[in-house]
Protein backbone atom coordinates (compact mmCIF):
# COMPACT_ATOMS: atom_id res chain seq x y z
CA MET A 1 -93.60 75.56 -111.92
CA ARG A 2 -97.29 75.93 -111.12
CA PHE A 3 -98.62 73.96 -114.46
CA PRO A 4 -96.56 71.07 -114.35
CA VAL A 5 -97.53 70.73 -110.86
CA ILE A 6 -101.25 70.56 -111.85
CA LEU A 7 -100.46 68.65 -114.88
CA PHE A 8 -98.79 65.81 -112.73
CA SER A 9 -101.93 66.02 -110.37
CA ILE A 10 -104.32 65.62 -113.38
CA LEU A 11 -102.37 62.39 -114.48
CA ILE A 12 -102.44 60.84 -111.06
CA PHE A 13 -106.13 61.33 -110.69
CA ASN A 14 -107.16 60.12 -114.13
CA PHE A 15 -104.99 57.01 -113.52
CA SER A 16 -106.78 56.72 -110.12
CA SER A 17 -110.02 57.21 -111.86
CA SER A 18 -109.44 54.66 -114.30
CA ALA A 19 -108.11 51.84 -111.72
CA GLN A 20 -111.69 52.42 -109.40
CA THR A 21 -113.49 52.39 -112.77
CA ALA A 22 -111.64 48.92 -113.42
CA LYS A 23 -112.32 47.73 -109.76
CA SER A 24 -116.16 48.73 -109.83
CA ILE A 25 -116.76 47.23 -113.31
CA HIS A 26 -115.06 44.07 -112.29
CA GLN A 27 -116.68 43.65 -108.99
CA ASN A 28 -120.02 44.11 -110.60
CA ALA A 29 -119.43 41.72 -113.50
CA ILE A 30 -120.24 38.00 -113.35
CA VAL A 31 -116.61 36.44 -114.20
CA ILE A 32 -116.39 33.06 -115.94
CA ASP A 33 -113.54 30.95 -116.74
CA THR A 34 -114.84 28.40 -118.90
CA HIS A 35 -111.87 25.71 -118.22
CA GLY A 36 -109.51 24.87 -115.40
CA ASP A 37 -107.70 21.75 -114.92
CA ILE A 38 -107.31 21.64 -111.27
CA LEU A 39 -109.55 18.46 -110.19
CA PHE A 40 -106.93 15.86 -112.14
CA ASN A 41 -103.98 17.71 -109.78
CA GLN A 42 -106.29 17.22 -106.80
CA ILE A 43 -106.89 13.84 -107.34
CA LYS A 44 -103.06 13.12 -108.14
CA SER A 45 -101.44 15.00 -105.40
CA GLY A 46 -104.18 15.13 -102.54
CA ILE A 47 -103.95 18.99 -102.25
CA ASP A 48 -107.28 20.79 -100.92
CA ILE A 49 -107.95 23.65 -103.11
CA GLY A 50 -110.25 25.02 -100.43
CA LYS A 51 -106.98 25.90 -99.31
CA LEU A 52 -104.23 28.90 -100.39
CA GLN A 53 -101.86 26.74 -102.54
CA PRO A 54 -98.25 27.41 -102.69
CA LYS A 55 -98.29 25.92 -106.61
CA GLY A 56 -100.82 25.90 -109.15
CA ASN A 57 -103.12 28.70 -110.70
CA PHE A 58 -106.20 27.85 -108.64
CA ASP A 59 -107.55 27.65 -105.10
CA LEU A 60 -110.91 28.85 -103.28
CA VAL A 61 -108.98 31.69 -101.88
CA ARG A 62 -107.46 33.16 -104.77
CA ALA A 63 -110.63 32.93 -106.72
CA LYS A 64 -112.40 35.09 -104.45
CA GLN A 65 -109.40 37.41 -104.37
CA GLY A 66 -109.95 37.69 -108.14
CA GLY A 67 -113.35 38.14 -108.29
CA LEU A 68 -114.07 35.00 -110.21
CA ASP A 69 -117.76 34.28 -109.97
CA VAL A 70 -117.96 31.05 -112.11
CA GLN A 71 -115.72 28.10 -112.37
CA PHE A 72 -115.94 25.47 -115.16
CA PHE A 73 -113.90 22.78 -113.50
CA SER A 74 -112.44 20.30 -116.49
CA ILE A 75 -112.71 16.68 -116.05
CA TRP A 76 -109.57 15.27 -118.13
CA CYS A 77 -107.73 12.25 -118.47
CA ASP A 78 -105.64 11.19 -121.55
CA GLU A 79 -106.78 8.41 -123.73
CA THR A 80 -105.60 5.96 -121.23
CA GLY A 81 -108.27 7.16 -118.92
CA GLY A 82 -112.30 6.83 -119.24
CA TYR A 83 -115.88 7.18 -117.36
CA ALA A 84 -114.56 5.69 -114.25
CA LEU A 85 -111.71 8.43 -113.95
CA ALA A 86 -113.92 10.90 -114.93
CA ASN A 87 -116.27 9.97 -112.22
CA ARG A 88 -113.48 10.21 -109.75
CA GLU A 89 -112.72 13.72 -110.99
CA ILE A 90 -116.36 14.56 -110.31
CA ASP A 91 -116.28 13.09 -106.86
CA SER A 92 -113.42 15.15 -105.58
CA LEU A 93 -115.33 18.36 -106.77
CA TYR A 94 -118.32 17.03 -104.62
CA SER A 95 -116.12 16.72 -101.94
CA LEU A 96 -114.78 19.94 -102.00
CA ILE A 97 -118.43 21.29 -102.14
CA LYS A 98 -119.42 19.12 -99.09
CA ARG A 99 -116.37 20.58 -96.96
CA ASP A 100 -116.85 24.22 -97.73
CA PRO A 101 -120.52 24.83 -98.97
CA THR A 102 -120.75 28.19 -97.97
CA ARG A 103 -118.02 29.07 -100.40
CA ILE A 104 -118.81 26.95 -103.07
CA ALA A 105 -121.86 25.47 -104.78
CA LEU A 106 -122.67 22.97 -107.78
CA VAL A 107 -124.89 24.69 -110.38
CA GLN A 108 -126.45 23.64 -113.65
CA ASN A 109 -128.19 26.19 -115.29
CA GLY A 110 -128.22 29.97 -115.45
CA ALA A 111 -130.81 30.57 -112.56
CA ASP A 112 -128.87 28.47 -110.19
CA LEU A 113 -125.42 30.22 -111.32
CA GLU A 114 -127.05 33.76 -110.82
CA ASN A 115 -128.50 32.47 -107.29
CA ALA A 116 -124.97 31.41 -106.54
CA VAL A 117 -123.41 34.52 -107.20
CA GLU A 118 -126.16 36.61 -105.33
CA GLN A 119 -125.09 34.42 -102.34
CA HIS A 120 -121.51 35.22 -102.86
CA LYS A 121 -120.46 31.52 -103.64
CA LEU A 122 -118.00 30.34 -106.30
CA ALA A 123 -120.46 28.89 -108.77
CA ALA A 124 -118.89 25.43 -109.82
CA MET A 125 -119.59 23.97 -113.49
CA ILE A 126 -118.10 20.56 -114.85
CA GLY A 127 -116.97 20.54 -118.31
CA VAL A 128 -115.85 17.06 -119.45
CA GLU A 129 -112.71 17.32 -121.74
CA GLY A 130 -112.69 14.67 -124.34
CA GLY A 131 -115.16 12.33 -126.01
CA HIS A 132 -113.32 9.36 -125.05
CA MET A 133 -114.94 9.54 -121.59
CA ILE A 134 -118.07 8.58 -122.81
CA GLU A 135 -116.23 5.12 -123.96
CA ASN A 136 -118.69 5.23 -127.04
CA ARG A 137 -121.99 5.17 -124.88
CA LEU A 138 -124.68 7.51 -124.98
CA ASP A 139 -126.22 6.65 -121.66
CA TYR A 140 -122.81 7.52 -120.17
CA ILE A 141 -123.73 11.02 -121.50
CA ASP A 142 -127.01 10.98 -119.87
CA SER A 143 -125.20 9.79 -116.67
CA LEU A 144 -122.49 12.41 -116.38
CA ALA A 145 -125.05 15.18 -117.27
CA LYS A 146 -127.08 14.13 -114.08
CA ARG A 147 -123.72 14.71 -112.02
CA GLY A 148 -123.46 17.96 -113.34
CA MET A 149 -121.68 17.92 -116.78
CA ALA A 150 -122.23 21.44 -118.50
CA TYR A 151 -120.19 20.90 -121.81
CA LEU A 152 -119.01 18.09 -123.29
CA MET A 153 -115.73 18.63 -125.24
CA LEU A 154 -116.01 16.04 -128.42
CA THR A 155 -112.60 15.22 -128.58
CA TRP A 156 -109.09 16.11 -126.32
CA ASN A 157 -106.05 15.87 -128.61
CA ASN A 158 -107.06 12.01 -129.05
CA SER A 159 -109.68 11.21 -131.82
CA THR A 160 -112.56 9.08 -131.00
CA PRO A 161 -114.09 6.34 -133.22
CA TRP A 162 -116.94 8.74 -133.88
CA ALA A 163 -115.02 12.21 -133.98
CA SER A 164 -111.44 13.46 -135.03
CA SER A 165 -109.35 15.78 -133.27
CA ALA A 166 -107.32 18.81 -134.38
CA ALA A 167 -104.00 17.19 -133.13
CA GLU A 168 -104.72 14.10 -135.43
CA GLU A 169 -106.61 15.67 -138.55
CA THR A 170 -103.37 17.88 -139.00
CA SER A 171 -100.78 15.36 -138.41
CA GLY A 172 -102.23 12.96 -140.80
CA LYS A 173 -103.16 10.28 -138.55
CA VAL A 174 -106.79 10.57 -139.38
CA LYS A 175 -107.24 9.91 -142.95
CA PRO A 176 -109.53 12.61 -144.71
CA GLU A 177 -112.18 10.49 -145.71
CA ASN A 178 -112.17 9.44 -141.94
CA ALA A 179 -112.14 12.76 -140.52
CA GLY A 180 -115.06 14.64 -138.81
CA LEU A 181 -118.24 13.13 -137.08
CA ASN A 182 -119.97 9.65 -138.52
CA ASP A 183 -123.50 8.68 -137.23
CA PHE A 184 -122.86 7.76 -133.64
CA GLY A 185 -120.85 11.35 -133.29
CA LYS A 186 -123.86 13.19 -134.91
CA GLN A 187 -126.12 11.27 -132.59
CA VAL A 188 -124.01 12.54 -129.60
CA VAL A 189 -124.48 16.02 -130.50
CA LYS A 190 -128.18 15.38 -130.82
CA ARG A 191 -128.26 13.91 -126.94
CA LEU A 192 -126.30 16.79 -125.71
CA ASN A 193 -128.68 19.16 -127.38
CA LYS A 194 -131.46 17.40 -125.94
CA LEU A 195 -130.24 17.11 -122.32
CA GLY A 196 -128.97 21.08 -122.41
CA VAL A 197 -125.50 20.27 -122.37
CA LEU A 198 -123.27 22.72 -124.32
CA VAL A 199 -121.35 20.98 -127.38
CA ASP A 200 -117.65 22.14 -126.79
CA LEU A 201 -115.45 22.33 -130.04
CA SER A 202 -112.09 23.31 -128.71
CA HIS A 203 -109.53 20.53 -129.60
CA VAL A 204 -111.82 19.43 -132.47
CA GLY A 205 -110.34 19.10 -136.16
CA GLU A 206 -111.65 21.49 -138.49
CA LYS A 207 -113.84 18.75 -140.04
CA THR A 208 -115.21 17.84 -136.67
CA PHE A 209 -116.00 21.44 -135.85
CA TYR A 210 -118.02 21.79 -139.27
CA ASP A 211 -119.83 18.60 -139.11
CA ALA A 212 -120.83 19.56 -135.48
CA ILE A 213 -122.03 23.07 -136.53
CA ALA A 214 -124.09 21.61 -139.15
CA THR A 215 -125.81 19.00 -136.98
CA THR A 216 -126.24 21.23 -133.48
CA THR A 217 -129.75 22.64 -133.21
CA LYS A 218 -128.23 24.85 -130.17
CA PRO A 219 -125.29 27.22 -129.98
CA ILE A 220 -121.92 25.75 -129.05
CA ILE A 221 -119.12 26.70 -126.95
CA VAL A 222 -115.07 26.58 -127.64
CA SER A 223 -114.27 26.75 -124.18
CA HIS A 224 -110.29 27.40 -124.55
CA SER A 225 -108.87 28.33 -127.75
CA CYS A 226 -107.39 31.38 -129.53
CA ALA A 227 -107.29 32.98 -133.05
CA TYR A 228 -105.48 31.37 -135.77
CA GLY A 229 -104.90 34.33 -137.53
CA LEU A 230 -102.56 35.62 -134.96
CA ASN A 231 -100.96 32.36 -134.02
CA PRO A 232 -101.40 29.33 -136.19
CA VAL A 233 -101.58 26.37 -134.48
CA PRO A 234 -104.00 23.67 -134.91
CA ARG A 235 -105.65 24.31 -131.84
CA ASN A 236 -106.69 27.83 -132.70
CA LEU A 237 -109.85 28.67 -135.07
CA LYS A 238 -109.40 29.91 -138.28
CA ASP A 239 -111.27 33.03 -139.40
CA ASN A 240 -113.80 30.95 -141.22
CA GLN A 241 -114.67 28.81 -138.02
CA ILE A 242 -115.05 32.30 -135.75
CA LYS A 243 -117.48 33.54 -138.13
CA ALA A 244 -119.30 30.16 -138.23
CA VAL A 245 -119.63 30.36 -134.24
CA ALA A 246 -120.92 33.68 -134.62
CA LYS A 247 -123.61 32.33 -136.86
CA ASN A 248 -124.21 29.82 -134.59
CA ARG A 249 -124.83 32.05 -131.64
CA GLY A 250 -122.11 30.64 -129.76
CA VAL A 251 -119.30 31.64 -127.90
CA ILE A 252 -115.33 31.48 -128.05
CA CYS A 253 -113.38 31.58 -124.73
CA VAL A 254 -109.82 32.84 -125.01
CA ASN A 255 -107.00 30.58 -123.95
CA PHE A 256 -104.52 32.25 -121.89
CA TYR A 257 -101.70 29.76 -122.78
CA SER A 258 -98.53 31.51 -124.10
CA GLY A 259 -98.06 28.79 -126.75
CA PHE A 260 -101.49 29.40 -128.32
CA LEU A 261 -101.12 33.46 -127.82
CA ASP A 262 -98.04 33.78 -129.19
CA SER A 263 -96.78 32.57 -132.50
CA THR A 264 -92.91 33.35 -131.18
CA TYR A 265 -93.35 31.40 -127.98
CA SER A 266 -92.78 27.82 -129.20
CA SER A 267 -88.99 28.95 -130.50
CA LYS A 268 -88.38 30.90 -127.40
CA GLN A 269 -89.50 27.95 -125.21
CA LYS A 270 -87.07 25.62 -127.36
CA ALA A 271 -83.99 27.89 -126.80
CA PHE A 272 -85.12 27.97 -122.85
CA PHE A 273 -85.11 23.62 -122.77
CA SER A 274 -81.80 23.73 -124.86
CA LYS A 275 -80.06 26.38 -122.32
CA TYR A 276 -81.21 23.83 -119.21
CA ASP A 277 -80.93 20.66 -121.24
CA THR A 278 -79.03 18.72 -118.74
CA GLU A 279 -81.11 19.82 -115.84
CA LEU A 280 -84.59 19.06 -117.75
CA LYS A 281 -83.38 15.56 -118.74
CA SER A 282 -82.06 14.89 -114.84
CA LEU A 283 -85.46 15.95 -113.61
CA THR A 284 -87.42 13.72 -116.40
CA GLU A 285 -85.76 10.87 -114.74
CA LYS A 286 -87.77 11.81 -111.58
CA LEU A 287 -90.74 13.36 -112.63
CA ASP A 288 -93.31 12.91 -115.25
CA ARG A 289 -92.75 15.67 -118.13
CA GLY A 290 -95.35 17.99 -117.03
CA SER A 291 -94.00 18.35 -113.43
CA ALA A 292 -90.15 18.60 -114.56
CA ILE A 293 -90.81 21.35 -116.62
CA ASP A 294 -92.71 23.11 -113.67
CA THR A 295 -90.10 22.70 -111.59
CA LEU A 296 -87.70 23.39 -114.24
CA ILE A 297 -89.27 26.83 -114.73
CA ALA A 298 -89.50 27.62 -110.61
CA HIS A 299 -85.90 26.90 -110.77
CA HIS A 300 -85.15 29.81 -113.39
CA GLN A 301 -88.39 31.94 -112.77
CA ALA A 302 -86.42 35.06 -114.37
CA ASP A 303 -85.73 33.27 -117.65
CA ALA A 304 -88.88 31.86 -117.66
CA ASP A 305 -90.81 35.08 -117.23
CA ALA A 306 -88.67 36.76 -119.85
CA ILE A 307 -90.31 34.19 -122.53
CA ARG A 308 -93.82 34.93 -121.52
CA PRO A 309 -96.03 37.32 -123.66
CA PRO A 310 -97.73 40.45 -122.22
CA ILE A 311 -101.40 40.60 -121.07
CA SER A 312 -102.16 42.51 -123.83
CA LEU A 313 -101.69 39.99 -126.52
CA LEU A 314 -104.22 38.06 -124.66
CA VAL A 315 -106.53 41.04 -125.24
CA LYS A 316 -105.58 41.28 -128.95
CA HIS A 317 -106.98 37.93 -129.44
CA ILE A 318 -110.23 38.92 -127.92
CA ASN A 319 -110.13 41.63 -130.29
CA TYR A 320 -109.36 39.81 -133.22
CA ILE A 321 -112.53 37.69 -132.40
CA VAL A 322 -114.72 40.76 -131.75
CA LYS A 323 -113.82 42.29 -134.83
CA LEU A 324 -114.93 38.98 -136.85
CA ALA A 325 -117.66 37.72 -134.85
CA GLY A 326 -118.85 40.56 -132.68
CA ILE A 327 -119.02 41.35 -128.86
CA ASN A 328 -121.78 38.73 -128.39
CA HIS A 329 -119.70 35.74 -129.03
CA VAL A 330 -116.22 36.02 -126.67
CA GLY A 331 -115.15 34.97 -123.20
CA LEU A 332 -112.24 33.59 -121.35
CA GLY A 333 -111.26 30.35 -120.64
CA ALA A 334 -108.10 30.56 -119.11
CA ASP A 335 -106.29 26.45 -119.08
CA PHE A 336 -105.24 27.40 -115.56
CA ASP A 337 -103.15 24.17 -114.24
CA GLY A 338 -103.27 22.96 -117.89
CA ALA A 339 -100.37 24.51 -119.09
CA GLU A 340 -96.83 25.68 -117.98
CA SER A 341 -96.81 29.38 -119.28
CA PHE A 342 -99.45 32.22 -119.04
CA PRO A 343 -99.15 36.01 -119.83
CA LEU A 344 -96.61 37.85 -117.60
CA GLY A 345 -98.55 38.80 -114.52
CA MET A 346 -101.35 36.39 -115.09
CA ASN A 347 -100.34 33.94 -112.54
CA SER A 348 -103.58 32.53 -111.12
CA VAL A 349 -107.15 33.40 -110.95
CA ALA A 350 -106.29 36.27 -108.70
CA ASP A 351 -105.14 37.97 -111.21
CA TYR A 352 -108.53 38.23 -113.44
CA PRO A 353 -108.96 41.98 -112.59
CA LYS A 354 -106.11 42.53 -114.64
CA ILE A 355 -107.96 41.39 -117.71
CA THR A 356 -110.52 44.38 -116.95
CA GLU A 357 -107.78 46.95 -116.57
CA GLU A 358 -106.83 45.91 -120.19
CA LEU A 359 -110.00 45.61 -121.85
CA LEU A 360 -110.98 49.08 -120.17
CA LYS A 361 -107.43 50.67 -121.68
CA ASN A 362 -108.53 48.96 -125.34
CA GLY A 363 -111.66 51.19 -125.13
CA TYR A 364 -114.49 48.60 -124.20
CA SER A 365 -117.36 49.79 -122.36
CA GLU A 366 -118.49 48.82 -119.55
CA THR A 367 -121.23 46.95 -121.11
CA ASP A 368 -119.10 45.26 -123.30
CA ILE A 369 -116.52 44.05 -120.63
CA LYS A 370 -119.26 42.49 -118.43
CA LYS A 371 -120.29 40.66 -121.81
CA ILE A 372 -116.54 39.29 -122.42
CA LEU A 373 -116.13 38.61 -118.75
CA GLY A 374 -118.75 36.61 -118.15
CA GLY A 375 -122.16 37.78 -119.50
CA ASN A 376 -122.16 35.90 -122.98
CA VAL A 377 -121.52 32.57 -121.24
CA VAL A 378 -124.40 32.97 -119.12
CA ARG A 379 -126.54 34.00 -121.99
CA LEU A 380 -125.38 30.53 -123.99
CA ILE A 381 -126.11 28.33 -120.79
CA LYS A 382 -129.43 30.07 -120.48
CA GLU A 383 -130.37 29.11 -124.11
CA ASN A 384 -128.94 25.41 -124.05
CA LYS A 385 -130.73 24.71 -120.57
CA GLY A 386 -134.09 26.93 -121.42
CA ARG A 387 -133.40 28.74 -118.07
């Protein structure tokens, strides 16, 4: 009986040692999330994300628990919003920082980022999700940059007069001859380069993507997208696009949304909605569709959890990108508070250590894990800002 006891003890030791290694790596890394949608929810509901929230995926309490060092706060609105609403969201971030300067600081370059991390503050950065918010004005780019805009996503799902989106290129709403960047769109890219603002190519159409790659003089970011080769949806990057980002020295930050990770999620979700069709219709009469879906999921959490993919699939997308682009061109862009479903166990920013554990299981070295968690994005910021 002695051998089985010894073997069991070795297994326990190895498991404990691996958990300690993952914890140590995570604590010593700069952990960056390049896309979180909490600000729009904050101004809509009036919640204080400085305090622990019972709903949603982000607040400062859970960010600390998850070892999150840098959060890119997405400035989002649909095509009906614009520059004024973008500034309202930035105002809400400024207010949060003013209320809690010991826990969060606005940063605009790599040096400031590293300084905030050393002071154990969450480094807040600003990403504007959609070129429609500049309202076809280059001076609005300048103004947003002065307020801290670290990246501008050239389109959201809606196209602009100067850039076509993935949604509208693939739906046929934008004709092929009108797809991509026009002359003004190229001016936008050049202005962003001049200001040191990252050009973000998530959400953009394939023609816009390649036009932007050809125009930019600096490495780009893809703030929250996955691999088309694993899940062929328009929002994900095809193999040649992934290779083009690597050639550009850019970084692709993997989105955590179940629908972008899992090719089977869409059909499973339809079955879930069908099962509770009457209840969903009733909720939709009282709430906007997003809130109705969130409420339905909360009412039937076990069924909703059953269709969520495992964390291993998220890391599979990372592996796929690393294989095509190399270890220096991948990061994390969760899309928390911007979608209804994420991998099982990834419920909020508090769960970031689970990704480090999964990366370690996949054989990544400490050096490579630190690059994925945030090191690659720090390098990208410095190359765009010059510091």
